[in-house]
């Protein structure tokens, strides 16, 4: 099922199983309170500070937990080459492919 955001031409593909959570009613200001019980159902370590909202053609609403990235760091996520390099470095580190650096300055100059 595809979801369309408000940005023209932007869709996401959702292939995931969903479990019924319950029924929530709108308050007098047309808001829905998710509550602490729902937050506890989120994955451990998913410290979401907000939700991306997607609306399907049939009116279904998908809330995807997310975190806010400071604007000074957003360039990292927008640059695929940088993200690829970071992911590769993290993977190598998890495999123990590291080396001790005696002097940081010359090491950084090599990069």
PDB file of N, CA and C in Angstrom:
ATOM      1  N   UNK A   1       0.845  -1.159   0.000  1.00  0.00           N
ATOM      2  CA  UNK A   1       0.000   0.000   0.000  1.00  0.00           C
ATOM      3  C   UNK A   1       0.896   1.228   0.000  1.00  0.00           C
ATOM      4  N   UNK A   2       0.617   2.179  -0.865  1.00  0.00           N
ATOM      5  CA  UNK A   2       1.426   3.390  -0.950  1.00  0.00           C
ATOM      6  C   UNK A   2       0.773   4.496  -0.142  1.00  0.00           C
ATOM      7  N   UNK A   3       1.613   5.297   0.473  1.00  0.00           N
ATOM      8  CA  UNK A   3       1.132   6.447   1.235  1.00  0.00           C
ATOM      9  C   UNK A   3       1.689   7.700   0.585  1.00  0.00           C
ATOM     10  N   UNK A   4       0.880   8.731   0.482  1.00  0.00           N
ATOM     11  CA  UNK A   4       1.315   9.981  -0.135  1.00  0.00           C
ATOM     12  C   UNK A   4       1.444  11.046   0.946  1.00  0.00           C
ATOM     13  N   UNK A   5       2.560  11.782   0.904  1.00  0.00           N
ATOM     14  CA  UNK A   5       2.726  12.889   1.836  1.00  0.00           C
ATOM     15  C   UNK A   5       2.219  14.160   1.162  1.00  0.00           C
ATOM     16  N   UNK A   6       2.263  15.253   1.870  1.00  0.00           N
ATOM     17  CA  UNK A   6       1.804  16.513   1.303  1.00  0.00           C
ATOM     18  C   UNK A   6       2.762  17.035   0.236  1.00  0.00           C
ATOM     19  N   UNK A   7       3.997  16.554   0.219  1.00  0.00           N
ATOM     20  CA  UNK A   7       4.935  16.977  -0.809  1.00  0.00           C
ATOM     21  C   UNK A   7       4.571  16.248  -2.099  1.00  0.00           C
ATOM     22  N   UNK A   8       4.279  16.969  -3.172  1.00  0.00           N
ATOM     23  CA  UNK A   8       3.880  16.327  -4.426  1.00  0.00           C
ATOM     24  C   UNK A   8       4.938  15.336  -4.909  1.00  0.00           C
ATOM     25  N   UNK A   9       4.466  14.172  -5.346  1.00  0.00           N
ATOM     26  CA  UNK A   9       5.371  13.177  -5.895  1.00  0.00           C
ATOM     27  C   UNK A   9       6.127  12.351  -4.877  1.00  0.00           C
ATOM     28  N   UNK A  10       5.843  12.525  -3.590  1.00  0.00           N
ATOM     29  CA  UNK A  10       6.544  11.784  -2.558  1.00  0.00           C
ATOM     30  C   UNK A  10       5.623  10.725  -1.980  1.00  0.00           C
ATOM     31  N   UNK A  11       5.998   9.464  -2.135  1.00  0.00           N
ATOM     32  CA  UNK A  11       5.228   8.375  -1.545  1.00  0.00           C
ATOM     33  C   UNK A  11       6.177   7.428  -0.842  1.00  0.00           C
ATOM     34  N   UNK A  12       5.647   6.648   0.093  1.00  0.00           N
ATOM     35  CA  UNK A  12       6.426   5.596   0.733  1.00  0.00           C
ATOM     36  C   UNK A  12       5.688   4.286   0.520  1.00  0.00           C
ATOM     37  N   UNK A  13       6.417   3.210   0.431  1.00  0.00           N
ATOM     38  CA  UNK A  13       5.825   1.882   0.281  1.00  0.00           C
ATOM     39  C   UNK A  13       5.787   1.249   1.666  1.00  0.00           C
ATOM     40  N   UNK A  14       4.617   0.787   2.087  1.00  0.00           N
ATOM     41  CA  UNK A  14       4.456   0.187   3.407  1.00  0.00           C
ATOM     42  C   UNK A  14       4.105  -1.280   3.245  1.00  0.00           C
ATOM     43  N   UNK A  15       5.003  -2.145   3.669  1.00  0.00           N
ATOM     44  CA  UNK A  15       4.747  -3.592   3.662  1.00  0.00           C
ATOM     45  C   UNK A  15       5.053  -4.076   5.071  1.00  0.00           C
ATOM     46  N   UNK A  16       4.054  -4.025   5.901  1.00  0.00           N
ATOM     47  CA  UNK A  16       4.243  -4.299   7.313  1.00  0.00           C
ATOM     48  C   UNK A  16       2.925  -4.792   7.897  1.00  0.00           C
ATOM     49  N   UNK A  17       3.006  -5.637   8.907  1.00  0.00           N
ATOM     50  CA  UNK A  17       1.789  -6.098   9.574  1.00  0.00           C
ATOM     51  C   UNK A  17       1.428  -5.122  10.688  1.00  0.00           C
ATOM     52  N   UNK A  18       0.160  -4.807  10.789  1.00  0.00           N
ATOM     53  CA  UNK A  18      -0.322  -3.919  11.840  1.00  0.00           C
ATOM     54  C   UNK A  18      -1.274  -4.682  12.742  1.00  0.00           C
ATOM     55  N   UNK A  19      -1.221  -4.393  14.029  1.00  0.00           N
ATOM     56  CA  UNK A  19      -2.123  -5.003  15.003  1.00  0.00           C
ATOM     57  C   UNK A  19      -3.124  -3.957  15.454  1.00  0.00           C
ATOM     58  N   UNK A  20      -4.380  -4.338  15.651  1.00  0.00           N
ATOM     59  CA  UNK A  20      -5.356  -3.376  16.162  1.00  0.00           C
ATOM     60  C   UNK A  20      -4.916  -2.873  17.536  1.00  0.00           C
ATOM     61  N   UNK A  21      -5.047  -1.590  17.756  1.00  0.00           N
ATOM     62  CA  UNK A  21      -4.653  -1.013  19.038  1.00  0.00           C
ATOM     63  C   UNK A  21      -5.873  -0.650  19.871  1.00  0.00           C
ATOM     64  N   UNK A  22      -6.882  -0.178  19.245  1.00  0.00           N
ATOM     65  CA  UNK A  22      -8.072   0.262  19.966  1.00  0.00           C
ATOM     66  C   UNK A  22      -8.710   1.418  19.222  1.00  0.00           C
ATOM     67  N   UNK A  23      -9.719   1.973  19.821  1.00  0.00           N
ATOM     68  CA  UNK A  23     -10.422   3.101  19.221  1.00  0.00           C
ATOM     69  C   UNK A  23     -10.162   4.336  20.061  1.00  0.00           C
ATOM     70  N   UNK A  24      -9.809   5.406  19.412  1.00  0.00           N
ATOM     71  CA  UNK A  24      -9.584   6.681  20.083  1.00  0.00           C
ATOM     72  C   UNK A  24     -10.593   7.679  19.534  1.00  0.00           C
ATOM     73  N   UNK A  25     -11.090   8.538  20.389  1.00  0.00           N
ATOM     74  CA  UNK A  25     -12.047   9.549  19.949  1.00  0.00           C
ATOM     75  C   UNK A  25     -11.375  10.913  19.913  1.00  0.00           C
ATOM     76  N   UNK A  26     -11.920  11.779  19.089  1.00  0.00           N
ATOM     77  CA  UNK A  26     -11.414  13.142  19.002  1.00  0.00           C
ATOM     78  C   UNK A  26     -11.907  13.940  20.197  1.00  0.00           C
ATOM     79  N   UNK A  27     -11.053  14.829  20.704  1.00  0.00           N
ATOM     80  CA  UNK A  27     -11.503  15.710  21.780  1.00  0.00           C
ATOM     81  C   UNK A  27     -12.174  16.939  21.163  1.00  0.00           C
ATOM     82  N   UNK A  28     -12.514  17.920  21.982  1.00  0.00           N
ATOM     83  CA  UNK A  28     -13.251  19.094  21.500  1.00  0.00           C
ATOM     84  C   UNK A  28     -12.443  19.935  20.508  1.00  0.00           C
ATOM     85  N   UNK A  29     -11.119  19.727  20.473  1.00  0.00           N
ATOM     86  CA  UNK A  29     -10.266  20.463  19.532  1.00  0.00           C
ATOM     87  C   UNK A  29      -9.783  19.567  18.389  1.00  0.00           C
ATOM     88  N   UNK A  30     -10.510  18.464  18.155  1.00  0.00           N
ATOM     89  CA  UNK A  30     -10.198  17.513  17.077  1.00  0.00           C
ATOM     90  C   UNK A  30      -8.814  16.887  17.211  1.00  0.00           C
ATOM     91  N   UNK A  31      -8.401  16.586  18.436  1.00  0.00           N
ATOM     92  CA  UNK A  31      -7.112  15.944  18.685  1.00  0.00           C
ATOM     93  C   UNK A  31      -7.332  14.525  19.179  1.00  0.00           C
ATOM     94  N   UNK A  32      -6.319  13.684  18.960  1.00  0.00           N
ATOM     95  CA  UNK A  32      -6.327  12.318  19.476  1.00  0.00           C
ATOM     96  C   UNK A  32      -5.142  12.174  20.414  1.00  0.00           C
ATOM     97  N   UNK A  33      -5.390  11.682  21.615  1.00  0.00           N
ATOM     98  CA  UNK A  33      -4.318  11.421  22.573  1.00  0.00           C
ATOM     99  C   UNK A  33      -3.885   9.967  22.420  1.00  0.00           C
ATOM    100  N   UNK A  34      -2.597   9.752  22.156  1.00  0.00           N
ATOM    101  CA  UNK A  34      -2.103   8.387  21.975  1.00  0.00           C
ATOM    102  C   UNK A  34      -1.951   7.660  23.306  1.00  0.00           C
ATOM    103  N   UNK A  35      -1.506   8.357  24.335  1.00  0.00           N
ATOM    104  CA  UNK A  35      -1.388   7.759  25.662  1.00  0.00           C
ATOM    105  C   UNK A  35      -0.105   6.984  25.893  1.00  0.00           C
ATOM    106  N   UNK A  36       0.204   6.763  27.172  1.00  0.00           N
ATOM    107  CA  UNK A  36       1.421   6.070  27.572  1.00  0.00           C
ATOM    108  C   UNK A  36       1.453   4.608  27.176  1.00  0.00           C
ATOM    109  N   UNK A  37       0.281   3.969  27.134  1.00  0.00           N
ATOM    110  CA  UNK A  37       0.232   2.548  26.783  1.00  0.00           C
ATOM    111  C   UNK A  37       0.760   2.324  25.368  1.00  0.00           C
ATOM    112  N   UNK A  38       0.387   3.200  24.447  1.00  0.00           N
ATOM    113  CA  UNK A  38       0.867   3.083  23.074  1.00  0.00           C
ATOM    114  C   UNK A  38       2.373   3.305  23.008  1.00  0.00           C
ATOM    115  N   UNK A  39       2.873   4.287  23.738  1.00  0.00           N
ATOM    116  CA  UNK A  39       4.314   4.552  23.743  1.00  0.00           C
ATOM    117  C   UNK A  39       5.082   3.330  24.222  1.00  0.00           C
ATOM    118  N   UNK A  40       4.520   2.600  25.180  1.00  0.00           N
ATOM    119  CA  UNK A  40       5.205   1.405  25.684  1.00  0.00           C
ATOM    120  C   UNK A  40       5.233   0.289  24.638  1.00  0.00           C
ATOM    121  N   UNK A  41       4.337   0.336  23.659  1.00  0.00           N
ATOM    122  CA  UNK A  41       4.328  -0.659  22.587  1.00  0.00           C
ATOM    123  C   UNK A  41       5.401  -0.388  21.534  1.00  0.00           C
ATOM    124  N   UNK A  42       5.900   0.854  21.497  1.00  0.00           N
ATOM    125  CA  UNK A  42       6.945   1.191  20.537  1.00  0.00           C
ATOM    126  C   UNK A  42       8.208   0.419  20.868  1.00  0.00           C
ATOM    127  N   UNK A  43       9.035   0.191  19.865  1.00  0.00           N
ATOM    128  CA  UNK A  43      10.278  -0.552  20.068  1.00  0.00           C
ATOM    129  C   UNK A  43      11.131   0.093  21.151  1.00  0.00           C
ATOM    130  N   UNK A  44      11.825  -0.745  21.904  1.00  0.00           N
ATOM    131  CA  UNK A  44      12.763  -0.240  22.901  1.00  0.00           C
ATOM    132  C   UNK A  44      13.815   0.603  22.185  1.00  0.00           C
ATOM    133  N   UNK A  45      14.196   1.700  22.779  1.00  0.00           N
ATOM    134  CA  UNK A  45      15.213   2.555  22.186  1.00  0.00           C
ATOM    135  C   UNK A  45      14.677   3.506  21.132  1.00  0.00           C
ATOM    136  N   UNK A  46      13.400   3.404  20.809  1.00  0.00           N
ATOM    137  CA  UNK A  46      12.818   4.318  19.827  1.00  0.00           C
ATOM    138  C   UNK A  46      12.320   5.552  20.570  1.00  0.00           C
ATOM    139  N   UNK A  47      13.232   6.429  20.903  1.00  0.00           N
ATOM    140  CA  UNK A  47      12.885   7.636  21.654  1.00  0.00           C
ATOM    141  C   UNK A  47      12.308   8.691  20.718  1.00  0.00           C
ATOM    142  N   UNK A  48      11.132   8.422  20.197  1.00  0.00           N
ATOM    143  CA  UNK A  48      10.498   9.333  19.247  1.00  0.00           C
ATOM    144  C   UNK A  48      10.121  10.631  19.940  1.00  0.00           C
ATOM    145  N   UNK A  49      10.412  11.744  19.260  1.00  0.00           N
ATOM    146  CA  UNK A  49       9.958  13.025  19.783  1.00  0.00           C
ATOM    147  C   UNK A  49       8.858  13.605  18.897  1.00  0.00           C
ATOM    148  N   UNK A  50       8.428  12.811  17.933  1.00  0.00           N
ATOM    149  CA  UNK A  50       7.347  13.219  17.050  1.00  0.00           C
ATOM    150  C   UNK A  50       6.972  12.079  16.119  1.00  0.00           C
ATOM    151  N   UNK A  51       6.014  12.325  15.262  1.00  0.00           N
ATOM    152  CA  UNK A  51       5.538  11.305  14.329  1.00  0.00           C
ATOM    153  C   UNK A  51       5.384  11.905  12.941  1.00  0.00           C
ATOM    154  N   UNK A  52       5.840  11.172  11.928  1.00  0.00           N
ATOM    155  CA  UNK A  52       5.544  11.527  10.543  1.00  0.00           C
ATOM    156  C   UNK A  52       4.127  11.015  10.299  1.00  0.00           C
ATOM    157  N   UNK A  53       3.312  11.800   9.642  1.00  0.00           N
ATOM    158  CA  UNK A  53       1.924  11.429   9.392  1.00  0.00           C
ATOM    159  C   UNK A  53       1.754  11.187   7.894  1.00  0.00           C
ATOM    160  N   UNK A  54       1.264   9.994   7.547  1.00  0.00           N
ATOM    161  CA  UNK A  54       1.004   9.634   6.156  1.00  0.00           C
ATOM    162  C   UNK A  54      -0.481   9.327   6.015  1.00  0.00           C
ATOM    163  N   UNK A  55      -1.079   9.776   4.914  1.00  0.00           N
ATOM    164  CA  UNK A  55      -2.497   9.539   4.663  1.00  0.00           C
ATOM    165  C   UNK A  55      -2.634   8.785   3.345  1.00  0.00           C
ATOM    166  N   UNK A  56      -3.332   7.645   3.394  1.00  0.00           N
ATOM    167  CA  UNK A  56      -3.557   6.842   2.196  1.00  0.00           C
ATOM    168  C   UNK A  56      -4.732   7.357   1.394  1.00  0.00           C
ATOM    169  N   UNK A  57      -4.851   6.875   0.171  1.00  0.00           N
ATOM    170  CA  UNK A  57      -5.949   7.296  -0.707  1.00  0.00           C
ATOM    171  C   UNK A  57      -7.307   6.966  -0.112  1.00  0.00           C
ATOM    172  N   UNK A  58      -7.365   5.884   0.683  1.00  0.00           N
ATOM    173  CA  UNK A  58      -8.641   5.489   1.282  1.00  0.00           C
ATOM    174  C   UNK A  58      -8.889   6.147   2.636  1.00  0.00           C
ATOM    175  N   UNK A  59      -7.981   7.041   3.058  1.00  0.00           N
ATOM    176  CA  UNK A  59      -8.168   7.765   4.308  1.00  0.00           C
ATOM    177  C   UNK A  59      -7.465   7.164   5.507  1.00  0.00           C
ATOM    178  N   UNK A  60      -6.815   5.996   5.334  1.00  0.00           N
ATOM    179  CA  UNK A  60      -6.054   5.419   6.446  1.00  0.00           C
ATOM    180  C   UNK A  60      -4.915   6.354   6.824  1.00  0.00           C
ATOM    181  N   UNK A  61      -4.609   6.390   8.111  1.00  0.00           N
ATOM    182  CA  UNK A  61      -3.541   7.247   8.619  1.00  0.00           C
ATOM    183  C   UNK A  61      -2.462   6.372   9.236  1.00  0.00           C
ATOM    184  N   UNK A  62      -1.215   6.624   8.858  1.00  0.00           N
ATOM    185  CA  UNK A  62      -0.071   5.913   9.410  1.00  0.00           C
ATOM    186  C   UNK A  62       0.782   6.914  10.169  1.00  0.00           C
ATOM    187  N   UNK A  63       1.083   6.604  11.421  1.00  0.00           N
ATOM    188  CA  UNK A  63       1.986   7.431  12.224  1.00  0.00           C
ATOM    189  C   UNK A  63       3.305   6.682  12.341  1.00  0.00           C
ATOM    190  N   UNK A  64       4.375   7.274  11.861  1.00  0.00           N
ATOM    191  CA  UNK A  64       5.687   6.641  11.932  1.00  0.00           C
ATOM    192  C   UNK A  64       6.541   7.430  12.924  1.00  0.00           C
ATOM    193  N   UNK A  65       6.982   6.775  14.041  1.00  0.00           N
ATOM    194  CA  UNK A  65       7.799   7.473  15.034  1.00  0.00           C
ATOM    195  C   UNK A  65       9.082   8.018  14.410  1.00  0.00           C
ATOM    196  N   UNK A  66       9.499   9.174  14.868  1.00  0.00           N
ATOM    197  CA  UNK A  66      10.728   9.776  14.362  1.00  0.00           C
ATOM    198  C   UNK A  66      11.377  10.659  15.403  1.00  0.00           C
ATOM    199  N   UNK A  67      12.569  11.083  15.091  1.00  0.00           N
ATOM    200  CA  UNK A  67      13.290  12.009  15.958  1.00  0.00           C
ATOM    201  C   UNK A  67      13.680  13.231  15.137  1.00  0.00           C
ATOM    202  N   UNK A  68      13.795  14.352  15.796  1.00  0.00           N
ATOM    203  CA  UNK A  68      14.195  15.583  15.147  1.00  0.00           C
ATOM    204  C   UNK A  68      15.714  15.645  15.093  1.00  0.00           C
ATOM    205  N   UNK A  69      16.238  16.007  13.935  1.00  0.00           N
ATOM    206  CA  UNK A  69      17.681  16.153  13.755  1.00  0.00           C
ATOM    207  C   UNK A  69      17.994  17.643  13.711  1.00  0.00           C
ATOM    208  N   UNK A  70      18.999  18.094  14.471  1.00  0.00           N
ATOM    209  CA  UNK A  70      19.368  19.513  14.404  1.00  0.00           C
ATOM    210  C   UNK A  70      19.733  19.906  12.969  1.00  0.00           C
ATOM    211  N   UNK A  71      19.358  21.103  12.557  1.00  0.00           N
ATOM    212  CA  UNK A  71      19.603  21.530  11.177  1.00  0.00           C
ATOM    213  C   UNK A  71      21.083  21.512  10.830  1.00  0.00           C
ATOM    214  N   UNK A  72      21.954  21.729  11.814  1.00  0.00           N
ATOM    215  CA  UNK A  72      23.396  21.704  11.544  1.00  0.00           C
ATOM    216  C   UNK A  72      23.899  20.299  11.225  1.00  0.00           C
ATOM    217  N   UNK A  73      23.106  19.261  11.538  1.00  0.00           N
ATOM    218  CA  UNK A  73      23.501  17.879  11.263  1.00  0.00           C
ATOM    219  C   UNK A  73      22.689  17.252  10.124  1.00  0.00           C
ATOM    220  N   UNK A  74      21.694  17.939   9.631  1.00  0.00           N
ATOM    221  CA  UNK A  74      20.803  17.378   8.610  1.00  0.00           C
ATOM    222  C   UNK A  74      21.532  17.043   7.313  1.00  0.00           C
ATOM    223  N   UNK A  75      22.594  17.775   6.998  1.00  0.00           N
ATOM    224  CA  UNK A  75      23.333  17.525   5.755  1.00  0.00           C
ATOM    225  C   UNK A  75      23.854  16.092   5.692  1.00  0.00           C
ATOM    226  N   UNK A  76      24.189  15.519   6.841  1.00  0.00           N
ATOM    227  CA  UNK A  76      24.708  14.147   6.872  1.00  0.00           C
ATOM    228  C   UNK A  76      23.663  13.186   6.322  1.00  0.00           C
ATOM    229  N   UNK A  77      22.415  13.370   6.712  1.00  0.00           N
ATOM    230  CA  UNK A  77      21.339  12.474   6.298  1.00  0.00           C
ATOM    231  C   UNK A  77      20.913  12.714   4.855  1.00  0.00           C
ATOM    232  N   UNK A  78      21.179  13.903   4.339  1.00  0.00           N
ATOM    233  CA  UNK A  78      20.817  14.223   2.960  1.00  0.00           C
ATOM    234  C   UNK A  78      21.882  13.769   1.961  1.00  0.00           C
ATOM    235  N   UNK A  79      23.103  13.514   2.435  1.00  0.00           N
ATOM    236  CA  UNK A  79      24.215  13.145   1.564  1.00  0.00           C
ATOM    237  C   UNK A  79      24.422  11.634   1.616  1.00  0.00           C
ATOM    238  N   UNK A  80      24.011  10.933   0.558  1.00  0.00           N
ATOM    239  CA  UNK A  80      24.080   9.465   0.542  1.00  0.00           C
ATOM    240  C   UNK A  80      25.509   8.951   0.677  1.00  0.00           C
ATOM    241  N   UNK A  81      26.470   9.652   0.088  1.00  0.00           N
ATOM    242  CA  UNK A  81      27.865   9.207   0.169  1.00  0.00           C
ATOM    243  C   UNK A  81      28.357   9.258   1.611  1.00  0.00           C
ATOM    244  N   UNK A  82      28.020  10.333   2.308  1.00  0.00           N
ATOM    245  CA  UNK A  82      28.432  10.470   3.709  1.00  0.00           C
ATOM    246  C   UNK A  82      27.753   9.402   4.560  1.00  0.00           C
ATOM    247  N   UNK A  83      26.450   9.198   4.371  1.00  0.00           N
ATOM    248  CA  UNK A  83      25.737   8.173   5.145  1.00  0.00           C
ATOM    249  C   UNK A  83      26.302   6.788   4.862  1.00  0.00           C
ATOM    250  N   UNK A  84      26.630   6.519   3.604  1.00  0.00           N
ATOM    251  CA  UNK A  84      27.218   5.228   3.258  1.00  0.00           C
ATOM    252  C   UNK A  84      28.551   5.019   3.943  1.00  0.00           C
ATOM    253  N   UNK A  85      29.356   6.066   3.986  1.00  0.00           N
ATOM    254  CA  UNK A  85      30.659   5.992   4.644  1.00  0.00           C
ATOM    255  C   UNK A  85      30.506   5.761   6.145  1.00  0.00           C
ATOM    256  N   UNK A  86      29.549   6.440   6.746  1.00  0.00           N
ATOM    257  CA  UNK A  86      29.301   6.267   8.181  1.00  0.00           C
ATOM    258  C   UNK A  86      28.829   4.844   8.467  1.00  0.00           C
ATOM    259  N   UNK A  87      27.895   4.350   7.675  1.00  0.00           N
ATOM    260  CA  UNK A  87      27.397   2.977   7.876  1.00  0.00           C
ATOM    261  C   UNK A  87      28.510   1.949   7.705  1.00  0.00           C
ATOM    262  N   UNK A  88      29.356   2.162   6.700  1.00  0.00           N
ATOM    263  CA  UNK A  88      30.476   1.247   6.467  1.00  0.00           C
ATOM    264  C   UNK A  88      31.423   1.268   7.667  1.00  0.00           C
ATOM    265  N   UNK A  89      31.723   2.456   8.177  1.00  0.00           N
ATOM    266  CA  UNK A  89      32.598   2.577   9.343  1.00  0.00           C
ATOM    267  C   UNK A  89      32.016   1.902  10.569  1.00  0.00           C
ATOM    268  N   UNK A  90      30.724   2.058  10.788  1.00  0.00           N
ATOM    269  CA  UNK A  90      30.074   1.411  11.930  1.00  0.00           C
ATOM    270  C   UNK A  90      30.093  -0.105  11.784  1.00  0.00           C
ATOM    271  N   UNK A  91      29.877  -0.573  10.557  1.00  0.00           N
ATOM    272  CA  UNK A  91      29.913  -2.018  10.306  1.00  0.00           C
ATOM    273  C   UNK A  91      31.319  -2.567  10.552  1.00  0.00           C
ATOM    274  N   UNK A  92      32.336  -1.863  10.044  1.00  0.00           N
ATOM    275  CA  UNK A  92      33.717  -2.301  10.249  1.00  0.00           C
ATOM    276  C   UNK A  92      34.071  -2.299  11.734  1.00  0.00           C
ATOM    277  N   UNK A  93      33.628  -1.286  12.454  1.00  0.00           N
ATOM    278  CA  UNK A  93      33.907  -1.221  13.891  1.00  0.00           C
ATOM    279  C   UNK A  93      33.245  -2.374  14.628  1.00  0.00           C
ATOM    280  N   UNK A  94      32.015  -2.720  14.237  1.00  0.00           N
ATOM    281  CA  UNK A  94      31.324  -3.831  14.906  1.00  0.00           C
ATOM    282  C   UNK A  94      31.997  -5.165  14.606  1.00  0.00           C
ATOM    283  N   UNK A  95      32.732  -5.240  13.490  1.00  0.00           N
ATOM    284  CA  UNK A  95      33.466  -6.456  13.134  1.00  0.00           C
ATOM    285  C   UNK A  95      34.874  -6.462  13.723  1.00  0.00           C
ATOM    286  N   UNK A  96      35.203  -5.411  14.478  1.00  0.00           N
ATOM    287  CA  UNK A  96      36.522  -5.345  15.103  1.00  0.00           C
ATOM    288  C   UNK A  96      37.612  -4.825  14.182  1.00  0.00           C
ATOM    289  N   UNK A  97      37.244  -4.292  13.040  1.00  0.00           N
ATOM    290  CA  UNK A  97      38.222  -3.763  12.081  1.00  0.00           C
ATOM    291  C   UNK A  97      38.571  -2.323  12.462  1.00  0.00           C
ATOM    292  N   UNK A  98      39.336  -2.187  13.522  1.00  0.00           N
ATOM    293  CA  UNK A  98      39.732  -0.871  14.012  1.00  0.00           C
ATOM    294  C   UNK A  98      41.242  -0.838  14.194  1.00  0.00           C
ATOM    295  N   UNK A  99      41.783   0.364  14.341  1.00  0.00           N
ATOM    296  CA  UNK A  99      43.203   0.499  14.655  1.00  0.00           C
ATOM    297  C   UNK A  99      43.385   1.686  15.588  1.00  0.00           C
ATOM    298  N   UNK A 100      44.386   1.586  16.430  1.00  0.00           N
ATOM    299  CA  UNK A 100      44.679   2.651  17.388  1.00  0.00           C
ATOM    300  C   UNK A 100      45.502   3.726  16.686  1.00  0.00           C
ATOM    301  N   UNK A 101      45.141   4.970  16.902  1.00  0.00           N
ATOM    302  CA  UNK A 101      45.833   6.106  16.299  1.00  0.00           C
ATOM    303  C   UNK A 101      46.619   6.816  17.387  1.00  0.00           C
ATOM    304  N   UNK A 102      47.938   6.977  17.157  1.00  0.00           N
ATOM    305  CA  UNK A 102      48.787   7.635  18.158  1.00  0.00           C
ATOM    306  C   UNK A 102      48.645   9.146  18.096  1.00  0.00           C
ATOM    307  N   UNK A 103      48.635   9.694  16.872  1.00  0.00           N
ATOM    308  CA  UNK A 103      48.510  11.143  16.711  1.00  0.00           C
ATOM    309  C   UNK A 103      47.330  11.425  15.786  1.00  0.00           C
ATOM    310  N   UNK A 104      46.356  12.111  16.300  1.00  0.00           N
ATOM    311  CA  UNK A 104      45.118  12.343  15.566  1.00  0.00           C
ATOM    312  C   UNK A 104      45.313  13.246  14.343  1.00  0.00           C
ATOM    313  N   UNK A 105      46.133  14.288  14.470  1.00  0.00           N
ATOM    314  CA  UNK A 105      46.340  15.245  13.372  1.00  0.00           C
ATOM    315  C   UNK A 105      46.777  14.586  12.078  1.00  0.00           C
ATOM    316  N   UNK A 106      47.905  13.842  12.078  1.00  0.00           N
ATOM    317  CA  UNK A 106      48.347  13.178  10.847  1.00  0.00           C
ATOM    318  C   UNK A 106      47.315  12.175  10.314  1.00  0.00           C
ATOM    319  N   UNK A 107      46.624  11.496  11.222  1.00  0.00           N
ATOM    320  CA  UNK A 107      45.598  10.538  10.801  1.00  0.00           C
ATOM    321  C   UNK A 107      44.483  11.246  10.041  1.00  0.00           C
ATOM    322  N   UNK A 108      44.027  12.374  10.566  1.00  0.00           N
ATOM    323  CA  UNK A 108      42.958  13.126   9.907  1.00  0.00           C
ATOM    324  C   UNK A 108      43.426  13.687   8.570  1.00  0.00           C
ATOM    325  N   UNK A 109      44.708  14.053   8.482  1.00  0.00           N
ATOM    326  CA  UNK A 109      45.248  14.546   7.211  1.00  0.00           C
ATOM    327  C   UNK A 109      45.210  13.468   6.136  1.00  0.00           C
ATOM    328  N   UNK A 110      45.350  12.192   6.544  1.00  0.00           N
ATOM    329  CA  UNK A 110      45.305  11.075   5.600  1.00  0.00           C
ATOM    330  C   UNK A 110      43.908  10.912   4.993  1.00  0.00           C
ATOM    331  N   UNK A 111      42.905  11.270   5.771  1.00  0.00           N
ATOM    332  CA  UNK A 111      41.533  11.101   5.293  1.00  0.00           C
ATOM    333  C   UNK A 111      41.268  12.085   4.189  1.00  0.00           C
TER     334      UNK A 111
END
